[in-house]
Amino acid sequence: MLDLIIRNGTIATASEQFRADIGVKSGKIAALGHDLGPAHDVIDAAGKFVLPGGIDSHVHIAQPSGPGLETADDFDTATLSALFGGNTTVMSFCLQQKGESLTKAVADYHARAQGKLYTDVAFHLIVSDPTPEVLEQELPELIARGYRSVKVFMTYENLRLNDAQLLSTMAAAKDGGAVVMVHAENEDVIAFLSEQHRRAGLNAPHGHATSRPVASEREATHRAMTLADIADVPVVIVHVSNGPTIEEIARARHRGQRVVAETCPQYLFLTEDDLLRDGWEGAKFVCSPPPRDKAAQDACWRGLETGLFDLFSSDHCPFMFARDKLSAQARASYRHIPNGIPGVETRLPLLFSEGVCKSRIDLCRFVGLTATNHARTYGLLPRKGTVAIGADADLAVWNPQTQWTIANSALHGASDYSPYEGMRVQGRPETVILRGKVMIRDGALQGTSEDGTYLDRSTEERGPTLATGAATDFEMQVRAPKRGVVHAR
C-alpha cells in the first residue's frame, strides 16, 4: 500500500505538463499514472496544479549584518515562511567573518539551524577572508564535504574581495568542482558617489539607489565573468537588476562562457521610486542592487520570457523596519540602513500571478525558474526540483484561481513589513508535502520544525550541472519584446 496518493491533478515539470496521479512511498515518488491502488492518505487535486516544491537558492537566515545587527528571521521563522510560500528547500549562506575560520562558520550555522527546519536546507559558503589556510585547506575540505557553491562579494567593505582575491578564490573553487556565485557591484564607484552624496547632504533612502547606479553593476558583472573565464570556473551572477547587465551576460554566453543568471522579485515589482516614499518609508525597499526603473523591469521580464535567466530567487534578507531601518544611525544616512528585504514567502505567488496567469511565461518555465534549475545548478537534481519516480516527494498543490492580497500580518516570517504589501495576486499553494509528509494541508500547518533536514551534496562526484539559458543573440533576446504577450504595467 502506498503512503500517499495525489489524485486528479495537472502535473508540471520543467519540460512537460500532464494529467496523472502521484504515488508516494517512504518519502519518495514511487509511481506516476492512474489507478495506483490503495493508500493510507489521498489528496484530491482536481482543478489544481501539482508542482515540485519550490527551491529558493538565495536566502540569508540568522546572518550578522554589522555590530549588534542580524537578519530578522531565525531558521524556524524563515523556513516556515518558505513552506507557506510553496517551497520545500531553501539554500542559505554560511558567512565567514574577517579573521574567522570558514569551517567554524559552517559549524555555527549548522548549530543555528538544528531543530528549526520546516523545509530542507543546504548551505552556500561566503568567503570574505581568503587566507592561504582558507584557500589551501578549509575550502577544499568543505567542498569535498558537499558545500559545492561559494559566494564572493565585490561590494561592502567588510566582505568584498579585490581582483587578486577573487581569482584565487575562484581557482580554489574550480579545483574542488564548485560553482562560484558573485554579488557584482563596483564598491569603489559606490564609495565615490556616496562621498559626493554626503557632501551634498543627500542622506535619505533614495540616495542608496543613486549611489549604486546601473553602470556599477554592469562593470562589475563584466569583470566578474572575465575573472571567472580566466579561472575557468562556472559562475552564477546573482540578483541581476537591469538591461545593460543582462546584455553583458548574453555576450559572455555568446562567447561560450558558462554563466548562470539570477533575478529576483524586487526587480520586477519595485522601482527606485519606492525609495522616495515619505516618512523614511523608503528604507523598507533598500536592498542591493537597488530596484531600478520601468525600463529595467521590462528588461528583466524579457530575460525571464526568453530564457536568459535561469534562476528566480528571493534574496530573502529580512530586517525589522521599526527596530533596524528606523534606528537612529539608519535615520542619519541611507549608508547605515541595513541592506535587504523579506520575500521568501511571496516569491512564488508573485511570479505565478504576474508570469503564468498573465501568459508571460508558461507553467513549465515557472517550474524551471523556481525549482528545477536551482536543483541542477547546485547539485540537488534529480533528488530535488522535479516530479519523477525516485525523486523526493517534495510537492506543492496550487490553486490557480485563488485571488488574495499580500498582507504582512498574514505572512509567517519575523519581519514587521512586506515590501509587497497590498499587491493583489492570483494563485496560491494550498497543500505542501516534504519528502512524503503533508506539512500544510488546505492552508493549515501539520508539520513541525523537526521535519526539515540538512541536504548533503557530497555525493555529486562531478559537481553541479549548470542551468544555462538558451539566449545567445543578445540583441534579439534582450531588446526585442516577446510577441503575443501582454506585459503587466
Protein backbone atom coordinates (compact mmCIF):
# COMPACT_ATOMS: atom_id res chain seq x y z
CA MET A 1 0.00 0.00 0.00
CA LEU A 2 1.22 3.47 -0.87
CA ASP A 3 1.61 6.03 1.88
CA LEU A 4 0.01 8.84 -0.12
CA ILE A 5 -1.65 9.43 -3.46
CA ILE A 6 -2.27 12.85 -5.00
CA ARG A 7 -5.09 12.31 -7.48
CA ASN A 8 -6.66 14.15 -10.41
CA GLY A 9 -4.14 16.98 -10.59
CA THR A 10 -2.29 18.53 -13.51
CA ILE A 11 1.41 17.86 -13.02
CA ALA A 12 4.10 20.16 -14.40
CA THR A 13 7.84 19.68 -14.64
CA ALA A 14 10.34 21.98 -16.34
CA SER A 15 9.78 20.15 -19.62
CA GLU A 16 6.18 18.89 -19.73
CA GLN A 17 2.67 19.19 -18.36
CA PHE A 18 0.38 16.15 -18.00
CA ARG A 19 -2.51 14.63 -16.05
CA ALA A 20 -1.63 11.79 -13.69
CA ASP A 21 -1.80 10.60 -10.11
CA ILE A 22 1.32 10.57 -7.93
CA GLY A 23 2.02 7.70 -5.58
CA VAL A 24 4.34 8.24 -2.61
CA LYS A 25 6.13 5.58 -0.60
CA SER A 26 8.79 6.05 2.09
CA GLY A 27 9.24 9.72 1.24
CA LYS A 28 9.86 9.14 -2.47
CA ILE A 29 7.75 9.36 -5.59
CA ALA A 30 7.03 5.69 -6.26
CA ALA A 31 4.50 5.82 -9.08
CA LEU A 32 3.06 8.11 -11.75
CA GLY A 33 -0.09 7.09 -13.58
CA HIS A 34 -3.71 6.20 -12.91
CA ASP A 35 -5.48 3.61 -10.76
CA LEU A 36 -2.50 3.35 -8.44
CA GLY A 37 -4.38 1.30 -5.86
CA PRO A 38 -4.96 1.99 -2.17
CA ALA A 39 -3.08 4.44 0.03
CA HIS A 40 -3.11 5.46 3.65
CA ASP A 41 -3.84 9.05 2.63
CA VAL A 42 -5.35 10.56 -0.50
CA ILE A 43 -5.32 14.20 -1.64
CA ASP A 44 -7.75 15.22 -4.36
CA ALA A 45 -6.07 17.80 -6.59
CA ALA A 46 -8.84 18.13 -9.18
CA GLY A 47 -8.67 21.50 -10.89
CA LYS A 48 -5.27 22.21 -9.37
CA PHE A 49 -1.61 22.09 -10.35
CA VAL A 50 0.81 19.69 -8.69
CA LEU A 51 4.30 21.16 -8.93
CA PRO A 52 7.72 20.33 -7.48
CA GLY A 53 8.24 22.09 -4.19
CA GLY A 54 10.00 25.38 -4.78
CA ILE A 55 13.72 25.72 -4.18
CA ASP A 56 14.84 29.17 -3.10
CA SER A 57 18.59 29.09 -3.55
CA HIS A 58 19.29 32.62 -2.32
CA VAL A 59 18.21 33.35 1.25
CA HIS A 60 20.02 34.92 4.21
CA ILE A 61 18.97 33.46 7.56
CA ALA A 62 20.28 34.33 11.04
CA GLN A 63 23.08 36.25 9.35
CA PRO A 64 25.02 39.06 11.08
CA SER A 65 25.00 42.39 9.26
CA GLY A 66 27.22 44.64 11.33
CA PRO A 67 27.76 45.20 15.05
CA GLY A 68 24.66 44.20 17.00
CA LEU A 69 22.61 43.67 13.85
CA GLU A 70 21.28 40.39 12.48
CA THR A 71 18.60 39.44 9.98
CA ALA A 72 15.12 39.23 11.49
CA ASP A 73 14.44 35.58 10.69
CA ASP A 74 15.91 32.65 12.50
CA PHE A 75 15.73 29.27 10.74
CA ASP A 76 12.34 28.39 12.20
CA THR A 77 10.50 31.52 11.02
CA ALA A 78 12.37 31.64 7.70
CA THR A 79 11.64 28.02 6.77
CA LEU A 80 8.04 28.24 7.99
CA SER A 81 7.58 31.30 5.80
CA ALA A 82 9.22 29.49 2.89
CA LEU A 83 6.95 26.48 3.37
CA PHE A 84 3.77 28.57 3.24
CA GLY A 85 5.14 30.09 0.04
CA GLY A 86 5.25 26.67 -1.63
CA ASN A 87 8.94 25.93 -1.03
CA THR A 88 10.38 22.67 0.28
CA THR A 89 14.09 23.55 0.10
CA VAL A 90 15.98 26.73 0.91
CA MET A 91 19.67 27.36 0.40
CA SER A 92 21.15 29.75 2.94
CA PHE A 93 24.64 31.12 3.46
CA CYS A 94 27.43 30.38 5.92
CA LEU A 95 29.11 33.78 6.27
CA GLN A 96 32.79 33.83 7.14
CA GLN A 97 33.65 36.97 9.12
CA LYS A 98 37.04 38.59 8.60
CA GLY A 99 39.63 36.75 10.64
CA GLU A 100 37.28 33.82 11.26
CA SER A 101 37.70 30.20 10.28
CA LEU A 102 35.42 29.19 7.40
CA THR A 103 34.99 25.76 8.98
CA LYS A 104 33.89 27.37 12.24
CA ALA A 105 31.34 29.49 10.37
CA VAL A 106 29.83 26.34 8.86
CA ALA A 107 29.60 24.68 12.27
CA ASP A 108 27.95 27.77 13.73
CA TYR A 109 25.24 27.85 11.07
CA HIS A 110 24.50 24.16 11.47
CA ALA A 111 24.03 24.78 15.19
CA ARG A 112 21.66 27.68 14.48
CA ALA A 113 19.56 25.53 12.15
CA GLN A 114 19.39 22.42 14.33
CA GLY A 115 15.77 21.53 15.15
CA LYS A 116 14.43 24.67 13.46
CA LEU A 117 13.66 23.48 9.93
CA TYR A 118 10.21 23.30 8.36
CA THR A 119 11.89 22.74 4.98
CA ASP A 120 15.07 21.04 3.91
CA VAL A 121 18.14 23.25 3.80
CA ALA A 122 21.52 23.35 2.09
CA PHE A 123 24.32 25.84 2.58
CA HIS A 124 26.48 28.00 0.35
CA LEU A 125 29.82 29.31 1.64
CA ILE A 126 30.64 33.04 1.75
CA VAL A 127 34.37 33.67 1.59
CA SER A 128 35.28 37.12 2.91
CA ASP A 129 38.85 36.40 4.08
CA PRO A 130 40.66 34.15 1.58
CA THR A 131 43.80 33.45 3.58
CA PRO A 132 46.20 30.72 2.45
CA GLU A 133 44.78 28.46 5.15
CA VAL A 134 41.24 29.03 3.91
CA LEU A 135 42.08 28.51 0.23
CA GLU A 136 44.51 25.63 0.62
CA GLN A 137 42.93 23.69 3.49
CA GLU A 138 39.47 24.73 4.64
CA LEU A 139 37.78 25.44 1.32
CA PRO A 140 38.94 22.21 -0.41
CA GLU A 141 37.87 20.16 2.61
CA LEU A 142 34.46 21.84 2.81
CA ILE A 143 33.81 21.44 -0.93
CA ALA A 144 34.64 17.75 -0.61
CA ARG A 145 32.12 17.56 2.26
CA GLY A 146 29.38 18.82 -0.04
CA TYR A 147 29.48 22.60 0.15
CA ARG A 148 29.66 22.87 -3.63
CA SER A 149 28.82 26.57 -4.03
CA VAL A 150 30.94 29.53 -2.97
CA LYS A 151 29.77 33.14 -2.89
CA VAL A 152 32.04 36.17 -3.18
CA PHE A 153 31.29 39.89 -2.94
CA MET A 154 32.61 42.79 -4.98
CA THR A 155 30.96 45.34 -2.67
CA TYR A 156 30.65 46.05 1.09
CA GLU A 157 33.99 46.91 2.68
CA ASN A 158 33.79 44.12 5.24
CA LEU A 159 33.04 41.48 2.60
CA ARG A 160 34.46 42.49 -0.77
CA LEU A 161 37.45 40.83 -2.38
CA ASN A 162 39.87 42.53 -4.74
CA ASP A 163 40.56 41.05 -8.16
CA ALA A 164 43.55 39.02 -6.99
CA GLN A 165 41.49 37.55 -4.13
CA LEU A 166 38.60 36.84 -6.46
CA LEU A 167 40.88 34.96 -8.84
CA SER A 168 42.48 32.89 -6.09
CA THR A 169 39.10 32.01 -4.59
CA MET A 170 37.69 31.11 -7.99
CA ALA A 171 40.71 28.91 -8.70
CA ALA A 172 40.26 27.06 -5.41
CA ALA A 173 36.56 26.55 -6.15
CA LYS A 174 37.37 25.26 -9.62
CA ASP A 175 39.89 22.76 -8.27
CA GLY A 176 37.23 21.35 -5.94
CA GLY A 177 34.45 21.27 -8.52
CA ALA A 178 32.34 24.06 -7.01
CA VAL A 179 30.36 26.82 -8.67
CA VAL A 180 31.04 30.47 -7.75
CA MET A 181 28.24 32.95 -7.00
CA VAL A 182 29.10 36.64 -7.38
CA HIS A 183 27.47 39.75 -5.96
CA ALA A 184 28.60 42.13 -8.69
CA GLU A 185 28.72 45.83 -7.83
CA ASN A 186 31.76 48.10 -8.02
CA GLU A 187 32.50 49.20 -4.45
CA ASP A 188 34.87 51.99 -5.48
CA VAL A 189 32.16 53.55 -7.65
CA ILE A 190 29.68 53.30 -4.78
CA ALA A 191 32.14 54.85 -2.30
CA PHE A 192 32.91 57.69 -4.72
CA LEU A 193 29.24 58.54 -5.28
CA SER A 194 28.39 58.11 -1.60
CA GLU A 195 31.01 60.67 -0.67
CA GLN A 196 29.53 63.07 -3.23
CA HIS A 197 26.10 62.49 -1.71
CA ARG A 198 27.45 63.12 1.80
CA ARG A 199 28.95 66.43 0.77
CA ALA A 200 25.67 67.45 -0.86
CA GLY A 201 23.64 66.41 2.18
CA LEU A 202 21.81 63.64 0.31
CA ASN A 203 21.16 61.22 3.15
CA ALA A 204 17.59 59.99 2.53
CA PRO A 205 16.88 56.40 1.41
CA HIS A 206 16.74 57.31 -2.29
CA GLY A 207 20.47 58.10 -2.13
CA HIS A 208 21.02 54.36 -1.82
CA ALA A 209 19.70 53.91 -5.37
CA THR A 210 21.56 56.84 -6.92
CA SER A 211 24.87 55.82 -5.31
CA ARG A 212 24.61 52.30 -6.80
CA PRO A 213 23.89 53.03 -10.48
CA VAL A 214 23.38 50.50 -13.25
CA ALA A 215 26.91 51.16 -14.52
CA SER A 216 28.43 49.93 -11.25
CA GLU A 217 26.58 46.63 -11.61
CA ARG A 218 27.26 46.29 -15.33
CA GLU A 219 31.01 46.89 -14.96
CA ALA A 220 31.37 44.54 -12.02
CA THR A 221 29.43 41.81 -13.82
CA HIS A 222 31.71 42.11 -16.85
CA ARG A 223 34.77 41.97 -14.60
CA ALA A 224 33.46 39.03 -12.57
CA MET A 225 32.79 37.00 -15.71
CA THR A 226 36.20 37.91 -17.12
CA LEU A 227 37.91 36.68 -13.96
CA ALA A 228 35.79 33.52 -13.96
CA ASP A 229 36.76 32.93 -17.58
CA ILE A 230 40.43 33.23 -16.65
CA ALA A 231 39.97 30.88 -13.70
CA ASP A 232 37.88 28.54 -15.89
CA VAL A 233 35.14 28.22 -13.29
CA PRO A 234 31.36 28.28 -13.77
CA VAL A 235 29.83 31.42 -12.35
CA VAL A 236 26.39 32.50 -11.13
CA ILE A 237 25.65 36.22 -11.37
CA VAL A 238 23.09 36.77 -8.63
CA HIS A 239 20.25 39.32 -8.36
CA VAL A 240 20.60 40.90 -11.81
CA SER A 241 18.54 44.08 -11.97
CA ASN A 242 18.76 45.73 -15.39
CA GLY A 243 19.15 45.53 -19.17
CA PRO A 244 22.80 46.56 -19.63
CA THR A 245 23.90 43.89 -17.14
CA ILE A 246 21.73 41.33 -18.94
CA GLU A 247 23.49 42.28 -22.18
CA GLU A 248 26.88 41.61 -20.61
CA ILE A 249 25.73 38.13 -19.57
CA ALA A 250 24.31 37.43 -23.04
CA ARG A 251 27.62 38.47 -24.63
CA ALA A 252 29.56 36.16 -22.34
CA ARG A 253 27.30 33.25 -23.25
CA HIS A 254 27.65 34.11 -26.90
CA ARG A 255 31.39 33.61 -26.41
CA GLY A 256 30.68 30.21 -24.89
CA GLN A 257 31.22 31.06 -21.23
CA ARG A 258 29.43 29.09 -18.50
CA VAL A 259 27.27 31.74 -16.82
CA VAL A 260 24.06 31.26 -14.83
CA ALA A 261 21.86 34.34 -14.38
CA GLU A 262 19.51 35.01 -11.48
CA THR A 263 16.94 37.72 -10.90
CA CYS A 264 14.55 38.44 -8.02
CA PRO A 265 11.04 39.81 -7.37
CA GLN A 266 12.27 43.25 -6.35
CA TYR A 267 13.48 43.89 -9.90
CA LEU A 268 10.07 43.02 -11.37
CA PHE A 269 7.71 44.62 -8.86
CA LEU A 270 9.56 47.54 -7.22
CA THR A 271 11.28 50.62 -8.61
CA GLU A 272 13.67 53.19 -7.19
CA ASP A 273 10.66 55.49 -6.77
CA ASP A 274 9.66 53.29 -3.84
CA LEU A 275 12.75 54.60 -2.04
CA LEU A 276 11.26 58.11 -2.33
CA ARG A 277 8.29 57.31 -0.08
CA ASP A 278 7.67 59.79 2.72
CA GLY A 279 8.46 59.38 6.39
CA TRP A 280 11.52 57.20 5.86
CA GLU A 281 9.18 54.56 4.40
CA GLY A 282 11.64 54.34 1.52
CA ALA A 283 14.02 52.49 3.85
CA LYS A 284 11.76 49.44 3.56
CA PHE A 285 12.95 48.98 -0.02
CA VAL A 286 16.70 49.37 0.49
CA CYS A 287 18.48 46.35 -0.95
CA SER A 288 21.48 45.81 -3.20
CA PRO A 289 21.45 46.17 -6.11
CA PRO A 290 18.58 48.62 -5.66
CA PRO A 291 15.34 48.45 -7.64
CA ARG A 292 15.69 50.36 -10.91
CA ASP A 293 13.17 51.96 -13.29
CA LYS A 294 10.36 50.72 -15.53
CA ALA A 295 12.73 50.03 -18.45
CA ALA A 296 14.85 47.82 -16.19
CA GLN A 297 11.72 45.96 -15.05
CA ASP A 298 10.78 45.31 -18.68
CA ALA A 299 14.30 44.06 -19.45
CA CYS A 300 14.15 41.62 -16.54
CA TRP A 301 10.76 40.34 -17.65
CA ARG A 302 12.15 39.79 -21.15
CA GLY A 303 15.06 37.92 -19.63
CA LEU A 304 12.59 35.59 -17.90
CA GLU A 305 10.48 35.19 -21.04
CA THR A 306 13.32 34.48 -23.45
CA GLY A 307 15.36 32.06 -21.36
CA LEU A 308 18.26 34.31 -20.43
CA PHE A 309 17.50 33.99 -16.73
CA ASP A 310 17.93 30.55 -15.24
CA LEU A 311 17.01 31.26 -11.62
CA PHE A 312 14.31 33.25 -9.89
CA SER A 313 15.25 33.63 -6.22
CA SER A 314 14.03 35.86 -3.41
CA ASP A 315 17.35 37.12 -1.98
CA HIS A 316 15.39 37.00 1.27
CA CYS A 317 17.34 39.16 3.72
CA PRO A 318 14.81 40.47 6.23
CA PHE A 319 15.26 43.20 8.79
CA MET A 320 12.84 44.87 11.18
CA PHE A 321 11.66 48.21 9.87
CA ALA A 322 10.89 49.72 13.29
CA ARG A 323 13.99 48.38 15.02
CA ASP A 324 16.63 48.28 12.28
CA LYS A 325 15.73 50.52 9.36
CA LEU A 326 14.39 53.26 11.63
CA SER A 327 17.26 53.20 14.10
CA ALA A 328 18.96 56.47 14.96
CA GLN A 329 22.03 55.51 12.97
CA ALA A 330 19.96 54.46 9.94
CA ARG A 331 17.97 57.69 10.00
CA ALA A 332 21.19 59.70 9.96
CA SER A 333 22.02 58.42 6.47
CA TYR A 334 20.97 55.79 3.95
CA ARG A 335 24.52 54.44 4.21
CA HIS A 336 23.58 52.91 7.57
CA ILE A 337 20.22 51.42 6.54
CA PRO A 338 20.53 47.62 6.64
CA ASN A 339 20.57 46.25 3.11
CA GLY A 340 17.93 43.64 2.42
CA ILE A 341 14.21 42.93 2.23
CA PRO A 342 11.97 39.95 3.07
CA GLY A 343 10.48 37.87 0.27
CA VAL A 344 10.82 34.10 0.63
CA GLU A 345 7.07 33.57 1.16
CA THR A 346 5.89 35.84 -1.65
CA ARG A 347 8.45 34.83 -4.34
CA LEU A 348 6.41 32.07 -5.96
CA PRO A 349 2.93 33.64 -5.75
CA LEU A 350 4.18 36.87 -7.31
CA LEU A 351 5.78 35.11 -10.29
CA PHE A 352 2.85 32.74 -10.71
CA SER A 353 0.36 35.61 -10.72
CA GLU A 354 2.22 38.05 -12.97
CA GLY A 355 4.07 35.46 -15.04
CA VAL A 356 1.88 32.39 -15.51
CA CYS A 357 -1.59 33.90 -15.04
CA LYS A 358 -0.76 36.76 -17.43
CA SER A 359 0.82 34.43 -20.02
CA ARG A 360 4.28 35.94 -19.82
CA ILE A 361 5.78 32.53 -19.04
CA ASP A 362 4.21 29.08 -19.16
CA LEU A 363 3.88 26.67 -16.26
CA CYS A 364 6.92 24.61 -17.28
CA ARG A 365 9.09 27.71 -17.39
CA PHE A 366 7.78 28.64 -13.94
CA VAL A 367 8.86 25.25 -12.59
CA GLY A 368 12.30 25.58 -14.15
CA LEU A 369 12.87 29.09 -12.82
CA THR A 370 11.70 28.30 -9.29
CA ALA A 371 12.78 24.69 -8.68
CA THR A 372 14.45 22.55 -11.35
CA ASN A 373 17.19 24.93 -12.42
CA HIS A 374 18.12 25.60 -8.80
CA ALA A 375 18.48 21.86 -8.20
CA ARG A 376 20.52 21.44 -11.37
CA THR A 377 22.82 24.40 -10.72
CA TYR A 378 23.60 23.48 -7.12
CA GLY A 379 23.85 19.69 -7.28
CA LEU A 380 20.42 18.62 -5.97
CA LEU A 381 18.94 17.11 -9.14
CA PRO A 382 17.34 14.53 -9.55
CA ARG A 383 16.71 14.21 -5.81
CA LYS A 384 15.01 17.61 -5.69
CA GLY A 385 13.31 20.00 -8.08
CA THR A 386 11.24 17.69 -10.27
CA VAL A 387 8.37 15.23 -10.34
CA ALA A 388 9.89 11.88 -11.26
CA ILE A 389 9.94 8.34 -9.92
CA GLY A 390 12.70 8.05 -7.33
CA ALA A 391 12.81 11.77 -6.52
CA ASP A 392 11.97 13.07 -3.07
CA ALA A 393 8.21 13.58 -2.75
CA ASP A 394 8.53 17.36 -2.39
CA LEU A 395 5.31 18.69 -3.87
CA ALA A 396 3.08 21.75 -3.80
CA VAL A 397 -0.59 21.66 -4.79
CA TRP A 398 -1.53 25.03 -6.26
CA ASN A 399 -4.99 26.51 -6.67
CA PRO A 400 -4.58 28.69 -9.78
CA GLN A 401 -7.86 30.54 -9.21
CA THR A 402 -7.40 31.83 -5.67
CA GLN A 403 -7.16 35.62 -5.55
CA TRP A 404 -5.70 37.26 -2.47
CA THR A 405 -3.94 40.38 -1.26
CA ILE A 406 -0.46 40.26 0.25
CA ALA A 407 -0.54 41.44 3.87
CA ASN A 408 2.40 41.05 6.20
CA SER A 409 0.03 40.30 9.07
CA ALA A 410 -0.93 37.05 7.29
CA LEU A 411 2.63 36.00 6.41
CA HIS A 412 4.83 33.81 8.60
CA GLY A 413 8.23 35.50 8.74
CA ALA A 414 9.61 37.56 11.61
CA SER A 415 9.95 40.88 9.77
CA ASP A 416 7.42 43.59 10.62
CA TYR A 417 6.69 44.52 7.00
CA SER A 418 6.48 43.20 3.44
CA PRO A 419 7.71 45.32 0.51
CA TYR A 420 4.82 43.84 -1.50
CA GLU A 421 2.11 44.87 0.97
CA GLY A 422 -1.26 45.39 -0.71
CA MET A 423 -0.41 43.71 -4.01
CA ARG A 424 -3.26 41.66 -5.44
CA VAL A 425 -2.18 38.25 -6.73
CA GLN A 426 -3.76 35.16 -8.24
CA GLY A 427 -2.75 31.59 -7.41
CA ARG A 428 -1.52 30.10 -4.17
CA PRO A 429 -0.05 26.85 -2.86
CA GLU A 430 -2.66 25.23 -0.61
CA THR A 431 -1.01 21.92 0.28
CA VAL A 432 2.75 21.37 0.64
CA ILE A 433 4.44 17.99 1.02
CA LEU A 434 8.02 17.48 2.20
CA ARG A 435 9.58 14.07 1.49
CA GLY A 436 6.14 12.50 1.58
CA LYS A 437 4.91 14.21 4.74
CA VAL A 438 1.98 16.59 4.40
CA MET A 439 3.34 19.73 6.03
CA ILE A 440 0.49 22.06 5.05
CA ARG A 441 -2.96 20.73 4.14
CA ASP A 442 -5.52 23.15 2.71
CA GLY A 443 -3.66 26.07 4.22
CA ALA A 444 -3.33 24.58 7.71
CA LEU A 445 0.08 23.68 9.18
CA GLN A 446 0.51 19.99 10.09
CA GLY A 447 4.29 19.62 10.15
CA THR A 448 6.84 20.73 12.73
CA SER A 449 10.24 22.40 12.81
CA GLU A 450 11.78 18.95 13.35
CA ASP A 451 10.71 17.73 9.91
CA GLY A 452 13.31 19.50 7.77
CA THR A 453 16.82 18.21 7.29
CA TYR A 454 20.24 19.28 6.00
CA LEU A 455 20.97 18.22 2.42
CA ASP A 456 24.41 16.71 1.92
CA ARG A 457 25.69 17.42 -1.61
CA SER A 458 28.96 15.47 -1.25
CA THR A 459 27.68 12.63 -3.45
CA GLU A 460 27.81 14.88 -6.51
CA GLU A 461 31.01 13.45 -7.93
CA ARG A 462 31.30 15.83 -10.88
CA GLY A 463 29.93 18.89 -9.13
CA PRO A 464 26.87 20.90 -10.13
CA THR A 465 25.49 20.88 -13.66
CA LEU A 466 24.85 24.39 -14.88
CA ALA A 467 21.38 25.52 -15.89
CA THR A 468 22.41 27.76 -18.77
CA GLY A 469 19.79 29.78 -20.59
CA ALA A 470 19.14 29.44 -24.29
CA ALA A 471 19.74 33.09 -25.11
CA THR A 472 22.81 33.73 -27.24
CA ASP A 473 21.85 36.57 -29.59
CA PHE A 474 21.81 39.40 -27.08
CA GLU A 475 20.38 41.96 -29.50
CA MET A 476 17.35 39.76 -30.13
CA GLN A 477 16.92 38.30 -26.67
CA VAL A 478 17.38 41.43 -24.58
CA ARG A 479 15.91 44.18 -26.70
CA ALA A 480 13.11 42.58 -28.69
CA PRO A 481 9.74 42.33 -26.90
CA LYS A 482 8.17 38.88 -26.95
CA ARG A 483 5.31 38.92 -29.43
CA GLY A 484 1.83 37.98 -28.34
CA VAL A 485 2.47 38.65 -24.67
CA VAL A 486 0.60 41.28 -22.70
CA HIS A 487 3.05 42.95 -20.37
CA ALA A 488 1.80 43.87 -16.91
CA ARG A 489 2.10 47.55 -16.10
